[in-house]
């Protein structure tokens, strides 16, 4: 039973530290995962203890960026030949999108439909 509470504590700690996304504020990953975890704990069996701790630890490692330095993305992977600024543009677009006005969103949508070469 103590292991079950350990997995629950790890999950709640991870969900509290998981970054909120501004792009879709009403649909957060930690909320979706929290519902899934709650559903699993409704039918909890002692044989599931080890597996739950492993899953909770995996999420904990992601939140702590444990693998960021070990598996760095660099070089040609981040600069495709067809569009070298693709990922920089994508990050900028995701950061700008939540603050865009209705008219700005409409303009972006129309500019996406009409491409001038």
N, C-alpha and C. Protein backbone atom coordinates (compact mmCIF):
# COMPACT_ATOMS: atom_id res chain seq x y z
N UNK A 1 0.82 -1.19 0.00
CA UNK A 1 0.00 0.00 0.00
C UNK A 1 0.87 1.25 0.00
N UNK A 2 2.03 1.17 0.64
CA UNK A 2 2.93 2.33 0.67
C UNK A 2 3.46 2.63 -0.72
N UNK A 3 3.65 1.58 -1.53
CA UNK A 3 4.13 1.78 -2.89
C UNK A 3 3.08 2.50 -3.72
N UNK A 4 1.84 2.15 -3.51
CA UNK A 4 0.76 2.82 -4.24
C UNK A 4 0.77 4.31 -3.92
N UNK A 5 0.93 4.65 -2.67
CA UNK A 5 0.96 6.06 -2.32
C UNK A 5 2.23 6.73 -2.87
N UNK A 6 3.31 5.98 -2.99
CA UNK A 6 4.53 6.53 -3.58
C UNK A 6 4.29 6.88 -5.05
N UNK A 7 3.69 5.99 -5.80
CA UNK A 7 3.39 6.25 -7.21
C UNK A 7 2.44 7.44 -7.32
N UNK A 8 1.43 7.50 -6.46
CA UNK A 8 0.49 8.63 -6.47
C UNK A 8 1.21 9.94 -6.17
N UNK A 9 2.12 9.92 -5.20
CA UNK A 9 2.87 11.14 -4.86
C UNK A 9 3.74 11.59 -6.03
N UNK A 10 4.37 10.63 -6.69
CA UNK A 10 5.21 10.98 -7.84
C UNK A 10 4.34 11.59 -8.94
N UNK A 11 3.20 10.96 -9.22
CA UNK A 11 2.30 11.48 -10.24
C UNK A 11 1.84 12.90 -9.90
N UNK A 12 1.42 13.12 -8.68
CA UNK A 12 0.92 14.45 -8.32
C UNK A 12 2.03 15.50 -8.38
N UNK A 13 3.24 15.12 -8.00
CA UNK A 13 4.39 16.04 -8.10
C UNK A 13 4.69 16.39 -9.56
N UNK A 14 4.66 15.38 -10.42
CA UNK A 14 4.93 15.59 -11.84
C UNK A 14 3.86 16.49 -12.45
N UNK A 15 2.60 16.22 -12.16
CA UNK A 15 1.52 17.01 -12.75
C UNK A 15 1.55 18.45 -12.25
N UNK A 16 2.01 18.67 -11.04
CA UNK A 16 2.13 20.04 -10.52
C UNK A 16 3.26 20.81 -11.21
N UNK A 17 4.33 20.10 -11.58
CA UNK A 17 5.50 20.75 -12.19
C UNK A 17 5.44 20.80 -13.72
N UNK A 18 4.51 20.05 -14.33
CA UNK A 18 4.43 20.00 -15.78
C UNK A 18 4.08 21.38 -16.32
N UNK A 19 4.80 21.89 -17.31
CA UNK A 19 4.53 23.24 -17.80
C UNK A 19 3.16 23.36 -18.47
N UNK A 20 2.51 24.47 -18.22
CA UNK A 20 1.21 24.75 -18.85
C UNK A 20 1.44 25.25 -20.26
N UNK A 21 0.60 24.84 -21.17
CA UNK A 21 0.73 25.31 -22.54
C UNK A 21 -0.27 26.43 -22.79
N UNK A 22 0.20 27.48 -23.43
CA UNK A 22 -0.63 28.63 -23.71
C UNK A 22 -1.46 28.47 -24.97
N UNK A 23 -1.05 27.58 -25.85
CA UNK A 23 -1.72 27.43 -27.12
C UNK A 23 -3.15 26.92 -26.95
N UNK A 24 -3.34 25.96 -26.07
CA UNK A 24 -4.68 25.44 -25.77
C UNK A 24 -4.84 25.37 -24.25
N UNK A 25 -5.14 26.50 -23.61
CA UNK A 25 -5.17 26.53 -22.14
C UNK A 25 -6.26 25.68 -21.51
N UNK A 26 -7.31 25.36 -22.26
CA UNK A 26 -8.39 24.57 -21.69
C UNK A 26 -8.17 23.06 -21.85
N UNK A 27 -7.08 22.66 -22.46
CA UNK A 27 -6.80 21.25 -22.70
C UNK A 27 -5.33 20.99 -22.40
N UNK A 28 -5.02 20.74 -21.14
CA UNK A 28 -3.65 20.55 -20.69
C UNK A 28 -3.30 19.05 -20.62
N UNK A 29 -2.07 18.74 -20.96
CA UNK A 29 -1.61 17.35 -20.96
C UNK A 29 -1.72 16.73 -19.57
N UNK A 30 -1.35 17.49 -18.53
CA UNK A 30 -1.39 16.93 -17.18
C UNK A 30 -2.82 16.59 -16.74
N UNK A 31 -3.81 17.32 -17.26
CA UNK A 31 -5.20 17.00 -16.93
C UNK A 31 -5.62 15.68 -17.58
N UNK A 32 -5.24 15.50 -18.83
CA UNK A 32 -5.57 14.27 -19.55
C UNK A 32 -4.88 13.07 -18.90
N UNK A 33 -3.58 13.23 -18.61
CA UNK A 33 -2.85 12.13 -17.96
C UNK A 33 -3.39 11.86 -16.56
N UNK A 34 -3.79 12.92 -15.86
CA UNK A 34 -4.34 12.75 -14.51
C UNK A 34 -5.60 11.91 -14.51
N UNK A 35 -6.48 12.12 -15.51
CA UNK A 35 -7.70 11.32 -15.61
C UNK A 35 -7.37 9.86 -15.91
N UNK A 36 -6.37 9.65 -16.75
CA UNK A 36 -5.96 8.28 -17.08
C UNK A 36 -5.39 7.58 -15.85
N UNK A 37 -4.57 8.29 -15.10
CA UNK A 37 -3.98 7.71 -13.89
C UNK A 37 -5.07 7.41 -12.87
N UNK A 38 -6.01 8.32 -12.69
CA UNK A 38 -7.11 8.08 -11.74
C UNK A 38 -7.91 6.85 -12.14
N UNK A 39 -8.15 6.69 -13.44
CA UNK A 39 -8.89 5.52 -13.90
C UNK A 39 -8.11 4.23 -13.62
N UNK A 40 -6.80 4.27 -13.80
CA UNK A 40 -5.99 3.08 -13.51
C UNK A 40 -6.00 2.76 -12.03
N UNK A 41 -5.99 3.77 -11.18
CA UNK A 41 -5.97 3.52 -9.74
C UNK A 41 -7.34 3.09 -9.20
N UNK A 42 -8.39 3.25 -9.98
CA UNK A 42 -9.71 2.74 -9.56
C UNK A 42 -9.69 1.21 -9.51
N UNK A 43 -8.97 0.60 -10.44
CA UNK A 43 -8.88 -0.86 -10.51
C UNK A 43 -7.49 -1.33 -10.13
N UNK A 44 -6.92 -0.70 -9.14
CA UNK A 44 -5.53 -0.98 -8.75
C UNK A 44 -5.42 -2.36 -8.11
N UNK A 45 -4.38 -3.10 -8.54
CA UNK A 45 -4.07 -4.41 -7.96
C UNK A 45 -2.62 -4.38 -7.50
N UNK A 46 -2.27 -5.08 -6.47
CA UNK A 46 -0.89 -5.06 -5.98
C UNK A 46 0.14 -5.44 -7.05
N UNK A 47 -0.26 -6.24 -8.03
CA UNK A 47 0.68 -6.64 -9.09
C UNK A 47 1.05 -5.46 -9.98
N UNK A 48 0.27 -4.39 -9.93
CA UNK A 48 0.50 -3.22 -10.78
C UNK A 48 1.47 -2.22 -10.16
N UNK A 49 1.88 -2.43 -8.92
CA UNK A 49 2.69 -1.46 -8.19
C UNK A 49 3.98 -1.09 -8.93
N UNK A 50 4.72 -2.10 -9.31
CA UNK A 50 6.02 -1.86 -9.95
C UNK A 50 5.85 -1.10 -11.27
N UNK A 51 4.88 -1.52 -12.06
CA UNK A 51 4.62 -0.86 -13.35
C UNK A 51 4.21 0.60 -13.16
N UNK A 52 3.38 0.88 -12.18
CA UNK A 52 2.95 2.26 -11.93
C UNK A 52 4.12 3.15 -11.50
N UNK A 53 5.00 2.63 -10.68
CA UNK A 53 6.17 3.41 -10.26
C UNK A 53 7.07 3.69 -11.46
N UNK A 54 7.25 2.70 -12.34
CA UNK A 54 8.07 2.92 -13.53
C UNK A 54 7.46 3.98 -14.44
N UNK A 55 6.15 3.96 -14.62
CA UNK A 55 5.48 4.96 -15.45
C UNK A 55 5.59 6.34 -14.82
N UNK A 56 5.40 6.41 -13.52
CA UNK A 56 5.49 7.70 -12.82
C UNK A 56 6.92 8.25 -12.89
N UNK A 57 7.90 7.39 -12.72
CA UNK A 57 9.30 7.83 -12.81
C UNK A 57 9.65 8.32 -14.22
N UNK A 58 9.09 7.65 -15.25
CA UNK A 58 9.35 8.09 -16.62
C UNK A 58 8.83 9.51 -16.83
N UNK A 59 7.64 9.80 -16.35
CA UNK A 59 7.11 11.17 -16.44
C UNK A 59 7.97 12.13 -15.63
N UNK A 60 8.44 11.68 -14.49
CA UNK A 60 9.28 12.53 -13.64
C UNK A 60 10.58 12.87 -14.37
N UNK A 61 11.17 11.92 -15.06
CA UNK A 61 12.40 12.19 -15.82
C UNK A 61 12.15 13.18 -16.94
N UNK A 62 11.00 13.09 -17.59
CA UNK A 62 10.68 14.05 -18.65
C UNK A 62 10.54 15.46 -18.09
N UNK A 63 9.88 15.59 -16.96
CA UNK A 63 9.69 16.91 -16.36
C UNK A 63 11.01 17.51 -15.89
N UNK A 64 11.94 16.66 -15.48
CA UNK A 64 13.24 17.12 -15.00
C UNK A 64 14.25 17.30 -16.13
N UNK A 65 13.88 17.03 -17.36
CA UNK A 65 14.78 17.14 -18.51
C UNK A 65 16.03 16.28 -18.36
N UNK A 66 15.87 15.08 -17.85
CA UNK A 66 17.02 14.19 -17.63
C UNK A 66 17.71 13.80 -18.92
N UNK A 67 16.95 13.71 -20.02
CA UNK A 67 17.52 13.22 -21.27
C UNK A 67 17.88 14.33 -22.23
N UNK A 68 17.68 15.56 -21.83
CA UNK A 68 17.92 16.70 -22.72
C UNK A 68 19.39 16.78 -23.15
N UNK A 69 20.30 16.61 -22.24
CA UNK A 69 21.72 16.70 -22.57
C UNK A 69 22.25 15.43 -23.23
N UNK A 70 21.72 14.30 -22.83
CA UNK A 70 22.20 13.03 -23.37
C UNK A 70 21.81 12.86 -24.84
N UNK A 71 20.60 13.27 -25.19
CA UNK A 71 20.10 13.10 -26.56
C UNK A 71 19.82 14.47 -27.18
N UNK A 72 20.85 15.28 -27.32
CA UNK A 72 20.71 16.62 -27.88
C UNK A 72 20.38 16.57 -29.36
N UNK A 73 19.49 17.46 -29.76
CA UNK A 73 19.17 17.62 -31.17
C UNK A 73 20.06 18.74 -31.72
N UNK A 74 20.73 18.47 -32.81
CA UNK A 74 21.61 19.47 -33.39
C UNK A 74 21.87 19.16 -34.85
N UNK A 75 22.50 20.10 -35.51
CA UNK A 75 22.94 19.89 -36.88
C UNK A 75 21.82 19.85 -37.90
N UNK A 76 21.98 19.01 -38.90
CA UNK A 76 21.03 18.99 -40.01
C UNK A 76 19.62 18.56 -39.61
N UNK A 77 19.48 17.89 -38.48
CA UNK A 77 18.16 17.46 -38.05
C UNK A 77 17.25 18.67 -37.77
N UNK A 78 17.83 19.75 -37.27
CA UNK A 78 17.06 20.94 -36.94
C UNK A 78 17.01 21.96 -38.08
N UNK A 79 17.69 21.67 -39.17
CA UNK A 79 17.70 22.59 -40.31
C UNK A 79 17.47 21.81 -41.60
N UNK A 80 16.21 21.44 -41.88
CA UNK A 80 15.94 20.68 -43.11
C UNK A 80 16.32 21.48 -44.35
N UNK A 81 16.82 20.82 -45.36
CA UNK A 81 17.28 21.51 -46.57
C UNK A 81 16.16 22.23 -47.29
N UNK A 82 14.95 21.69 -47.22
CA UNK A 82 13.85 22.32 -47.93
C UNK A 82 13.42 23.64 -47.29
N UNK A 83 13.56 23.76 -45.97
CA UNK A 83 13.19 24.99 -45.26
C UNK A 83 14.04 25.07 -43.99
N UNK A 84 15.23 25.66 -44.08
CA UNK A 84 16.17 25.66 -42.95
C UNK A 84 15.66 26.34 -41.69
N UNK A 85 14.72 27.28 -41.80
CA UNK A 85 14.23 27.99 -40.61
C UNK A 85 12.92 27.39 -40.09
N UNK A 86 12.56 26.19 -40.53
CA UNK A 86 11.27 25.61 -40.19
C UNK A 86 11.02 25.56 -38.68
N UNK A 87 11.93 25.02 -37.91
CA UNK A 87 11.71 24.85 -36.48
C UNK A 87 11.73 26.18 -35.73
N UNK A 88 12.58 27.12 -36.15
CA UNK A 88 12.57 28.45 -35.55
C UNK A 88 11.24 29.14 -35.82
N UNK A 89 10.74 29.01 -37.05
CA UNK A 89 9.45 29.60 -37.40
C UNK A 89 8.31 28.95 -36.62
N UNK A 90 8.39 27.64 -36.44
CA UNK A 90 7.37 26.91 -35.70
C UNK A 90 7.30 27.37 -34.25
N UNK A 91 8.45 27.49 -33.60
CA UNK A 91 8.48 27.94 -32.20
C UNK A 91 7.94 29.36 -32.08
N UNK A 92 8.35 30.23 -33.01
CA UNK A 92 7.87 31.61 -32.99
C UNK A 92 6.35 31.66 -33.17
N UNK A 93 5.84 30.86 -34.08
CA UNK A 93 4.39 30.82 -34.35
C UNK A 93 3.62 30.33 -33.12
N UNK A 94 4.13 29.31 -32.45
CA UNK A 94 3.47 28.78 -31.25
C UNK A 94 3.48 29.81 -30.13
N UNK A 95 4.55 30.57 -30.01
CA UNK A 95 4.62 31.60 -28.97
C UNK A 95 3.70 32.78 -29.28
N UNK A 96 3.54 33.11 -30.56
CA UNK A 96 2.70 34.26 -30.94
C UNK A 96 1.22 33.93 -30.95
N UNK A 97 0.84 32.71 -31.26
CA UNK A 97 -0.55 32.33 -31.48
C UNK A 97 -1.50 32.66 -30.32
N UNK A 98 -1.17 32.39 -29.06
CA UNK A 98 -2.14 32.67 -27.99
C UNK A 98 -2.46 34.15 -27.82
N UNK A 99 -1.56 35.02 -28.23
CA UNK A 99 -1.76 36.47 -28.03
C UNK A 99 -2.34 37.15 -29.26
N UNK A 100 -2.62 36.40 -30.30
CA UNK A 100 -3.12 36.98 -31.54
C UNK A 100 -4.60 37.31 -31.41
N UNK A 101 -5.01 38.44 -31.99
CA UNK A 101 -6.41 38.85 -31.96
C UNK A 101 -7.22 38.02 -32.95
N UNK A 102 -8.54 38.19 -32.90
CA UNK A 102 -9.42 37.47 -33.82
C UNK A 102 -9.07 37.84 -35.26
N UNK A 103 -8.86 39.13 -35.50
CA UNK A 103 -8.52 39.60 -36.84
C UNK A 103 -7.16 39.05 -37.28
N UNK A 104 -6.22 38.98 -36.35
CA UNK A 104 -4.90 38.41 -36.65
C UNK A 104 -4.99 36.93 -37.00
N UNK A 105 -5.85 36.18 -36.27
CA UNK A 105 -6.04 34.76 -36.58
C UNK A 105 -6.67 34.57 -37.95
N UNK A 106 -7.65 35.44 -38.26
CA UNK A 106 -8.29 35.37 -39.57
C UNK A 106 -7.29 35.66 -40.68
N UNK A 107 -6.46 36.67 -40.48
CA UNK A 107 -5.44 37.01 -41.47
C UNK A 107 -4.46 35.87 -41.68
N UNK A 108 -4.03 35.22 -40.60
CA UNK A 108 -3.11 34.08 -40.72
C UNK A 108 -3.77 32.93 -41.47
N UNK A 109 -5.04 32.68 -41.15
CA UNK A 109 -5.74 31.58 -41.82
C UNK A 109 -5.86 31.85 -43.32
N UNK A 110 -6.22 33.09 -43.67
CA UNK A 110 -6.35 33.43 -45.10
C UNK A 110 -5.00 33.39 -45.80
N UNK A 111 -3.95 33.86 -45.14
CA UNK A 111 -2.62 33.82 -45.76
C UNK A 111 -2.13 32.39 -45.92
N UNK A 112 -2.60 31.50 -45.07
CA UNK A 112 -2.24 30.08 -45.21
C UNK A 112 -2.95 29.43 -46.37
N UNK A 113 -4.16 29.93 -46.68
CA UNK A 113 -4.91 29.37 -47.82
C UNK A 113 -4.39 29.88 -49.15
N UNK A 114 -3.94 31.13 -49.15
CA UNK A 114 -3.48 31.75 -50.40
C UNK A 114 -1.97 31.89 -50.33
N UNK A 115 -1.30 31.15 -51.15
CA UNK A 115 0.17 31.19 -51.17
C UNK A 115 0.64 31.80 -52.47
N UNK A 116 1.35 32.88 -52.37
CA UNK A 116 1.91 33.52 -53.56
C UNK A 116 3.35 33.09 -53.72
N UNK A 117 3.70 32.70 -54.91
CA UNK A 117 5.07 32.24 -55.15
C UNK A 117 5.91 33.34 -55.74
